[in-house]
Amino acid sequence: MNNLFYGDKYALISKFRQGKQSEIDFFKYHDGHLSKSAFELKQKELEEDFVYKGCVILNSNLKVNFQKLFEIKPKQNELYVHNFKSSPYMIDCSVDDTILYCDSFTFWIVGQYQRFNGRLYDACRVHRIKFRRLGDGIL
């Protein structure tokens, strides 16, 4: 068993390459199927006996300030997003999924939502994942 629970790297899941950074492992977003990328990421964690510090999912080609983003330390059951809207009326609730940032445990839940007929907002609320807005200067 590895003595250090978290590794020293972050995972980036995207269709777009975002420069070379030593602390980021890149995973390809497979034709809109996040669950395949989630499986590859978890398989690597199990084979190499470590857990990523955080996972970033980019659905748009954005210029991201990774240094500022990685200052945020996500907790379990927290999902950092660009923007979200909560309402007492379920039809009005939404999540802006251009960028998602969470810990490795929450990523598995987020990575599986596309396998079911539903929205990201619904899947997160069912699992009691709290939404947090990303601060200024990250995008």
N, C-alpha and C. Protein backbone atom coordinates (compact mmCIF):
# COMPACT_ATOMS: atom_id res chain seq x y z
N MET A 1 0.85 -1.20 0.00
CA MET A 1 0.00 0.00 0.00
C MET A 1 0.87 1.23 0.00
N ASN A 2 0.48 2.20 -0.74
CA ASN A 2 1.21 3.45 -0.84
C ASN A 2 1.05 4.24 0.46
N ASN A 3 2.15 4.79 0.97
CA ASN A 3 2.10 5.57 2.21
C ASN A 3 1.43 6.92 2.02
N LEU A 4 1.53 7.49 0.85
CA LEU A 4 0.89 8.76 0.56
C LEU A 4 -0.42 8.49 -0.16
N PHE A 5 -1.52 8.96 0.42
CA PHE A 5 -2.82 8.66 -0.17
C PHE A 5 -3.00 9.40 -1.49
N TYR A 6 -2.77 10.71 -1.48
CA TYR A 6 -2.91 11.49 -2.71
C TYR A 6 -1.57 11.59 -3.41
N GLY A 7 -1.61 11.49 -4.73
CA GLY A 7 -0.41 11.69 -5.52
C GLY A 7 -0.13 13.18 -5.64
N ASP A 8 0.84 13.53 -6.45
CA ASP A 8 1.19 14.94 -6.61
C ASP A 8 0.72 15.49 -7.95
N LYS A 9 -0.24 14.80 -8.58
CA LYS A 9 -0.70 15.21 -9.90
C LYS A 9 -2.20 15.46 -9.92
N TYR A 10 -2.60 16.20 -10.96
CA TYR A 10 -3.99 16.47 -11.25
C TYR A 10 -4.32 15.81 -12.58
N ALA A 11 -5.59 15.50 -12.79
CA ALA A 11 -6.03 14.91 -14.05
C ALA A 11 -6.80 15.95 -14.85
N LEU A 12 -6.53 16.02 -16.13
CA LEU A 12 -7.25 16.90 -17.05
C LEU A 12 -7.94 16.04 -18.09
N ILE A 13 -9.25 16.14 -18.16
CA ILE A 13 -10.03 15.41 -19.15
C ILE A 13 -10.60 16.44 -20.12
N SER A 14 -10.18 16.35 -21.37
CA SER A 14 -10.57 17.38 -22.33
C SER A 14 -10.38 16.87 -23.76
N LYS A 15 -11.09 17.50 -24.69
CA LYS A 15 -10.86 17.26 -26.11
C LYS A 15 -9.70 18.11 -26.61
N PHE A 16 -9.31 19.08 -25.80
CA PHE A 16 -8.33 20.08 -26.20
C PHE A 16 -7.09 19.99 -25.31
N ARG A 17 -5.92 19.96 -25.92
CA ARG A 17 -4.67 19.99 -25.15
C ARG A 17 -4.50 21.37 -24.53
N GLN A 18 -3.99 21.42 -23.32
CA GLN A 18 -3.82 22.69 -22.60
C GLN A 18 -2.37 22.86 -22.17
N GLY A 19 -1.48 22.95 -23.11
CA GLY A 19 -0.07 23.18 -22.80
C GLY A 19 0.54 22.03 -22.02
N LYS A 20 1.82 22.11 -21.77
CA LYS A 20 2.52 21.05 -21.02
C LYS A 20 2.78 21.54 -19.62
N GLN A 21 2.29 20.79 -18.66
CA GLN A 21 2.55 21.10 -17.27
C GLN A 21 2.87 19.80 -16.57
N SER A 22 3.89 19.82 -15.75
CA SER A 22 4.36 18.59 -15.13
C SER A 22 3.38 18.00 -14.13
N GLU A 23 2.53 18.83 -13.53
CA GLU A 23 1.63 18.31 -12.50
C GLU A 23 0.30 17.82 -13.06
N ILE A 24 0.15 17.79 -14.40
CA ILE A 24 -1.12 17.40 -15.01
C ILE A 24 -0.94 16.16 -15.89
N ASP A 25 -1.79 15.15 -15.68
CA ASP A 25 -1.89 14.01 -16.59
C ASP A 25 -3.10 14.25 -17.49
N PHE A 26 -2.91 14.09 -18.79
CA PHE A 26 -3.96 14.37 -19.75
C PHE A 26 -4.70 13.08 -20.11
N PHE A 27 -6.04 13.14 -20.09
CA PHE A 27 -6.87 12.04 -20.54
C PHE A 27 -7.78 12.56 -21.64
N LYS A 28 -7.90 11.79 -22.70
CA LYS A 28 -8.73 12.22 -23.83
C LYS A 28 -10.20 12.03 -23.50
N TYR A 29 -10.99 13.02 -23.84
CA TYR A 29 -12.44 12.97 -23.70
C TYR A 29 -12.95 12.19 -24.90
N HIS A 30 -13.43 10.99 -24.70
CA HIS A 30 -13.77 10.08 -25.78
C HIS A 30 -15.10 10.40 -26.45
N ASP A 31 -15.08 11.16 -27.51
CA ASP A 31 -16.27 11.41 -28.34
C ASP A 31 -17.51 11.73 -27.50
N GLY A 32 -17.34 12.55 -26.50
CA GLY A 32 -18.48 12.95 -25.69
C GLY A 32 -18.88 11.95 -24.62
N HIS A 33 -18.11 10.89 -24.45
CA HIS A 33 -18.43 9.89 -23.43
C HIS A 33 -17.45 10.02 -22.26
N LEU A 34 -17.87 10.76 -21.28
CA LEU A 34 -17.03 11.00 -20.12
C LEU A 34 -16.79 9.73 -19.32
N SER A 35 -17.72 8.78 -19.37
CA SER A 35 -17.58 7.55 -18.59
C SER A 35 -16.37 6.73 -19.02
N LYS A 36 -16.02 6.75 -20.31
CA LYS A 36 -14.83 6.02 -20.77
C LYS A 36 -13.56 6.65 -20.20
N SER A 37 -13.51 7.97 -20.19
CA SER A 37 -12.36 8.66 -19.62
C SER A 37 -12.28 8.42 -18.12
N ALA A 38 -13.43 8.40 -17.45
CA ALA A 38 -13.46 8.14 -16.01
C ALA A 38 -12.92 6.74 -15.72
N PHE A 39 -13.29 5.78 -16.54
CA PHE A 39 -12.80 4.42 -16.35
C PHE A 39 -11.29 4.34 -16.51
N GLU A 40 -10.75 4.99 -17.55
CA GLU A 40 -9.29 5.00 -17.76
C GLU A 40 -8.56 5.63 -16.59
N LEU A 41 -9.11 6.75 -16.10
CA LEU A 41 -8.48 7.45 -14.98
C LEU A 41 -8.47 6.57 -13.74
N LYS A 42 -9.60 5.95 -13.40
CA LYS A 42 -9.67 5.09 -12.22
C LYS A 42 -8.79 3.87 -12.36
N GLN A 43 -8.70 3.34 -13.57
CA GLN A 43 -7.84 2.19 -13.80
C GLN A 43 -6.38 2.55 -13.54
N LYS A 44 -5.96 3.73 -13.98
CA LYS A 44 -4.59 4.18 -13.74
C LYS A 44 -4.34 4.37 -12.25
N GLU A 45 -5.32 4.94 -11.54
CA GLU A 45 -5.17 5.12 -10.09
C GLU A 45 -5.00 3.78 -9.38
N LEU A 46 -5.77 2.78 -9.78
CA LEU A 46 -5.67 1.47 -9.14
C LEU A 46 -4.35 0.77 -9.48
N GLU A 47 -3.93 0.85 -10.73
CA GLU A 47 -2.70 0.19 -11.15
C GLU A 47 -1.46 0.82 -10.51
N GLU A 48 -1.47 2.14 -10.36
CA GLU A 48 -0.29 2.83 -9.83
C GLU A 48 -0.42 3.17 -8.35
N ASP A 49 -1.53 2.79 -7.72
CA ASP A 49 -1.73 2.91 -6.28
C ASP A 49 -1.58 4.35 -5.78
N PHE A 50 -2.35 5.25 -6.35
CA PHE A 50 -2.39 6.62 -5.88
C PHE A 50 -3.73 7.22 -6.28
N VAL A 51 -4.03 8.40 -5.76
CA VAL A 51 -5.27 9.10 -6.08
C VAL A 51 -4.90 10.51 -6.53
N TYR A 52 -5.51 10.97 -7.61
CA TYR A 52 -5.25 12.33 -8.09
C TYR A 52 -5.74 13.36 -7.07
N LYS A 53 -5.00 14.46 -6.96
CA LYS A 53 -5.39 15.55 -6.06
C LYS A 53 -6.70 16.18 -6.50
N GLY A 54 -6.90 16.29 -7.80
CA GLY A 54 -8.11 16.89 -8.34
C GLY A 54 -8.27 16.53 -9.80
N CYS A 55 -9.49 16.66 -10.29
CA CYS A 55 -9.79 16.35 -11.69
C CYS A 55 -10.46 17.56 -12.33
N VAL A 56 -9.97 17.94 -13.49
CA VAL A 56 -10.51 19.06 -14.25
C VAL A 56 -11.12 18.50 -15.53
N ILE A 57 -12.37 18.87 -15.80
CA ILE A 57 -13.05 18.45 -17.02
C ILE A 57 -13.34 19.71 -17.82
N LEU A 58 -12.75 19.79 -19.01
CA LEU A 58 -12.97 20.95 -19.89
C LEU A 58 -13.84 20.52 -21.06
N ASN A 59 -14.98 21.14 -21.21
CA ASN A 59 -15.88 20.86 -22.32
C ASN A 59 -15.80 21.91 -23.41
N SER A 60 -14.98 22.93 -23.21
CA SER A 60 -14.77 24.00 -24.19
C SER A 60 -13.29 24.33 -24.23
N ASN A 61 -12.86 24.90 -25.31
CA ASN A 61 -11.45 25.27 -25.44
C ASN A 61 -11.23 26.62 -24.75
N LEU A 62 -11.01 26.57 -23.46
CA LEU A 62 -10.83 27.77 -22.64
C LEU A 62 -9.38 27.94 -22.25
N LYS A 63 -9.00 29.16 -22.01
CA LYS A 63 -7.68 29.46 -21.47
C LYS A 63 -7.83 29.45 -19.94
N VAL A 64 -7.25 28.47 -19.28
CA VAL A 64 -7.42 28.27 -17.85
C VAL A 64 -6.12 28.59 -17.13
N ASN A 65 -6.22 29.34 -16.05
CA ASN A 65 -5.09 29.61 -15.18
C ASN A 65 -5.00 28.46 -14.18
N PHE A 66 -4.23 27.42 -14.53
CA PHE A 66 -4.17 26.22 -13.69
C PHE A 66 -3.53 26.50 -12.33
N GLN A 67 -2.57 27.40 -12.27
CA GLN A 67 -1.94 27.72 -10.98
C GLN A 67 -2.98 28.23 -9.99
N LYS A 68 -3.82 29.12 -10.45
CA LYS A 68 -4.86 29.68 -9.58
C LYS A 68 -5.94 28.63 -9.28
N LEU A 69 -6.27 27.82 -10.27
CA LEU A 69 -7.26 26.77 -10.07
C LEU A 69 -6.79 25.77 -9.02
N PHE A 70 -5.52 25.40 -9.08
CA PHE A 70 -5.02 24.38 -8.16
C PHE A 70 -4.79 24.89 -6.75
N GLU A 71 -4.96 26.19 -6.54
CA GLU A 71 -4.95 26.71 -5.18
C GLU A 71 -6.21 26.28 -4.42
N ILE A 72 -7.26 25.97 -5.17
CA ILE A 72 -8.50 25.47 -4.57
C ILE A 72 -8.30 23.99 -4.26
N LYS A 73 -8.59 23.61 -3.06
CA LYS A 73 -8.49 22.20 -2.66
C LYS A 73 -9.91 21.65 -2.52
N PRO A 74 -10.39 20.92 -3.54
CA PRO A 74 -11.77 20.44 -3.47
C PRO A 74 -11.95 19.36 -2.41
N LYS A 75 -13.08 19.40 -1.74
CA LYS A 75 -13.42 18.39 -0.75
C LYS A 75 -14.34 17.37 -1.40
N GLN A 76 -14.54 16.25 -0.70
CA GLN A 76 -15.49 15.28 -1.20
C GLN A 76 -16.87 15.91 -1.27
N ASN A 77 -17.60 15.55 -2.27
CA ASN A 77 -18.96 16.05 -2.49
C ASN A 77 -19.01 17.54 -2.79
N GLU A 78 -17.98 18.07 -3.42
CA GLU A 78 -17.99 19.44 -3.92
C GLU A 78 -17.61 19.43 -5.39
N LEU A 79 -18.35 20.18 -6.17
CA LEU A 79 -18.06 20.31 -7.59
C LEU A 79 -17.96 21.80 -7.92
N TYR A 80 -16.77 22.21 -8.35
CA TYR A 80 -16.55 23.61 -8.73
C TYR A 80 -16.90 23.76 -10.20
N VAL A 81 -17.77 24.73 -10.48
CA VAL A 81 -18.25 24.97 -11.85
C VAL A 81 -18.13 26.45 -12.17
N HIS A 82 -18.24 26.79 -13.43
CA HIS A 82 -18.21 28.19 -13.83
C HIS A 82 -19.43 28.92 -13.31
N ASN A 83 -20.61 28.29 -13.43
CA ASN A 83 -21.84 28.90 -12.94
C ASN A 83 -22.91 27.83 -12.79
N PHE A 84 -23.87 28.07 -11.90
CA PHE A 84 -25.01 27.17 -11.75
C PHE A 84 -26.22 27.97 -11.29
N LYS A 85 -27.39 27.37 -11.46
CA LYS A 85 -28.63 28.02 -11.04
C LYS A 85 -29.46 27.00 -10.28
N SER A 86 -29.80 27.32 -9.03
CA SER A 86 -30.68 26.49 -8.22
C SER A 86 -32.01 27.19 -8.06
N SER A 87 -33.05 26.40 -8.07
CA SER A 87 -34.40 26.95 -7.98
C SER A 87 -35.29 25.92 -7.31
N PRO A 88 -36.38 26.36 -6.68
CA PRO A 88 -37.33 25.38 -6.15
C PRO A 88 -38.02 24.58 -7.25
N TYR A 89 -37.97 25.09 -8.47
CA TYR A 89 -38.57 24.41 -9.61
C TYR A 89 -37.48 23.68 -10.38
N MET A 90 -37.55 22.36 -10.37
CA MET A 90 -36.48 21.53 -10.94
C MET A 90 -36.17 21.87 -12.40
N ILE A 91 -37.17 22.25 -13.15
CA ILE A 91 -36.98 22.56 -14.57
C ILE A 91 -36.07 23.78 -14.77
N ASP A 92 -35.99 24.66 -13.78
CA ASP A 92 -35.18 25.87 -13.87
C ASP A 92 -33.73 25.68 -13.41
N CYS A 93 -33.43 24.54 -12.81
CA CYS A 93 -32.08 24.29 -12.29
C CYS A 93 -31.13 23.90 -13.42
N SER A 94 -29.90 24.41 -13.35
CA SER A 94 -28.93 24.09 -14.41
C SER A 94 -27.51 24.27 -13.91
N VAL A 95 -26.58 23.68 -14.65
CA VAL A 95 -25.15 23.79 -14.37
C VAL A 95 -24.45 24.15 -15.67
N ASP A 96 -23.56 25.13 -15.61
CA ASP A 96 -22.71 25.47 -16.75
C ASP A 96 -21.51 24.53 -16.69
N ASP A 97 -21.46 23.57 -17.59
CA ASP A 97 -20.41 22.54 -17.52
C ASP A 97 -19.22 22.81 -18.45
N THR A 98 -18.94 24.07 -18.76
CA THR A 98 -17.78 24.36 -19.60
C THR A 98 -16.49 23.95 -18.90
N ILE A 99 -16.45 24.09 -17.58
CA ILE A 99 -15.33 23.60 -16.78
C ILE A 99 -15.88 23.04 -15.48
N LEU A 100 -15.40 21.85 -15.12
CA LEU A 100 -15.77 21.20 -13.87
C LEU A 100 -14.48 20.84 -13.13
N TYR A 101 -14.46 21.03 -11.83
CA TYR A 101 -13.27 20.73 -11.03
C TYR A 101 -13.72 20.07 -9.72
N CYS A 102 -13.18 18.91 -9.43
CA CYS A 102 -13.57 18.18 -8.23
C CYS A 102 -12.45 17.24 -7.79
N ASP A 103 -12.64 16.58 -6.65
CA ASP A 103 -11.66 15.60 -6.21
C ASP A 103 -11.92 14.28 -6.95
N SER A 104 -11.03 13.33 -6.74
CA SER A 104 -11.09 12.08 -7.48
C SER A 104 -12.32 11.26 -7.14
N PHE A 105 -12.80 11.32 -5.92
CA PHE A 105 -13.96 10.53 -5.53
C PHE A 105 -15.24 11.09 -6.16
N THR A 106 -15.39 12.39 -6.14
CA THR A 106 -16.56 13.03 -6.75
C THR A 106 -16.52 12.86 -8.26
N PHE A 107 -15.33 12.82 -8.84
CA PHE A 107 -15.20 12.67 -10.29
C PHE A 107 -15.86 11.39 -10.79
N TRP A 108 -15.77 10.32 -10.03
CA TRP A 108 -16.36 9.06 -10.48
C TRP A 108 -17.88 9.22 -10.65
N ILE A 109 -18.52 9.92 -9.73
CA ILE A 109 -19.97 10.15 -9.82
C ILE A 109 -20.28 11.06 -11.01
N VAL A 110 -19.52 12.14 -11.14
CA VAL A 110 -19.72 13.08 -12.25
C VAL A 110 -19.46 12.38 -13.58
N GLY A 111 -18.48 11.51 -13.61
CA GLY A 111 -18.11 10.81 -14.84
C GLY A 111 -19.12 9.80 -15.32
N GLN A 112 -20.05 9.40 -14.46
CA GLN A 112 -21.02 8.37 -14.83
C GLN A 112 -22.39 8.92 -15.18
N TYR A 113 -22.60 10.22 -15.02
CA TYR A 113 -23.96 10.75 -15.20
C TYR A 113 -24.48 10.58 -16.63
N GLN A 114 -23.61 10.53 -17.62
CA GLN A 114 -24.05 10.43 -19.01
C GLN A 114 -24.59 9.03 -19.34
N ARG A 115 -24.33 8.08 -18.49
CA ARG A 115 -24.82 6.73 -18.73
C ARG A 115 -26.31 6.59 -18.48
N PHE A 116 -26.88 7.55 -17.80
CA PHE A 116 -28.29 7.51 -17.45
C PHE A 116 -29.02 8.67 -18.12
N ASN A 117 -30.30 8.54 -18.25
CA ASN A 117 -31.09 9.62 -18.85
C ASN A 117 -31.33 10.68 -17.78
N GLY A 118 -30.56 11.71 -17.82
CA GLY A 118 -30.71 12.77 -16.84
C GLY A 118 -29.71 13.87 -17.10
N ARG A 119 -29.77 14.86 -16.25
CA ARG A 119 -28.87 16.00 -16.39
C ARG A 119 -27.80 15.94 -15.31
N LEU A 120 -26.72 16.66 -15.54
CA LEU A 120 -25.64 16.71 -14.57
C LEU A 120 -26.15 17.26 -13.24
N TYR A 121 -26.98 18.28 -13.28
CA TYR A 121 -27.51 18.86 -12.06
C TYR A 121 -28.25 17.79 -11.23
N ASP A 122 -29.09 17.01 -11.89
CA ASP A 122 -29.87 15.98 -11.20
C ASP A 122 -28.96 14.92 -10.57
N ALA A 123 -27.97 14.45 -11.33
CA ALA A 123 -27.06 13.42 -10.82
C ALA A 123 -26.29 13.91 -9.60
N CYS A 124 -25.87 15.15 -9.63
CA CYS A 124 -25.12 15.70 -8.49
C CYS A 124 -26.00 15.86 -7.26
N ARG A 125 -27.20 16.34 -7.44
CA ARG A 125 -28.09 16.54 -6.29
C ARG A 125 -28.50 15.21 -5.66
N VAL A 126 -28.69 14.18 -6.48
CA VAL A 126 -29.04 12.85 -5.95
C VAL A 126 -27.92 12.35 -5.03
N HIS A 127 -26.69 12.63 -5.40
CA HIS A 127 -25.54 12.19 -4.60
C HIS A 127 -25.09 13.25 -3.59
N ARG A 128 -25.89 14.29 -3.42
CA ARG A 128 -25.64 15.37 -2.45
C ARG A 128 -24.32 16.09 -2.68
N ILE A 129 -23.99 16.25 -3.94
CA ILE A 129 -22.80 17.01 -4.30
C ILE A 129 -23.17 18.48 -4.29
N LYS A 130 -22.36 19.28 -3.62
CA LYS A 130 -22.61 20.72 -3.52
C LYS A 130 -21.88 21.44 -4.65
N PHE A 131 -22.54 22.41 -5.23
CA PHE A 131 -21.94 23.22 -6.28
C PHE A 131 -21.24 24.42 -5.68
N ARG A 132 -20.07 24.75 -6.22
CA ARG A 132 -19.32 25.94 -5.84
C ARG A 132 -18.91 26.65 -7.11
N ARG A 133 -18.96 27.97 -7.09
CA ARG A 133 -18.53 28.76 -8.25
C ARG A 133 -17.03 28.97 -8.22
N LEU A 134 -16.42 28.88 -9.40
CA LEU A 134 -15.00 29.19 -9.51
C LEU A 134 -14.81 30.69 -9.41
N GLY A 135 -13.78 31.11 -8.74
CA GLY A 135 -13.52 32.54 -8.53
C GLY A 135 -12.98 33.23 -9.77
N ASP A 136 -12.79 34.53 -9.63
CA ASP A 136 -12.26 35.33 -10.73
C ASP A 136 -10.80 34.99 -10.98
N GLY A 137 -10.38 35.18 -12.22
CA GLY A 137 -8.98 34.99 -12.58
C GLY A 137 -8.64 33.57 -13.01
N ILE A 138 -9.58 32.64 -12.95
CA ILE A 138 -9.30 31.27 -13.36
C ILE A 138 -9.54 31.09 -14.86
N LEU A 139 -10.59 31.74 -15.36
CA LEU A 139 -10.87 31.67 -16.81
C LEU A 139 -10.53 32.99 -17.45
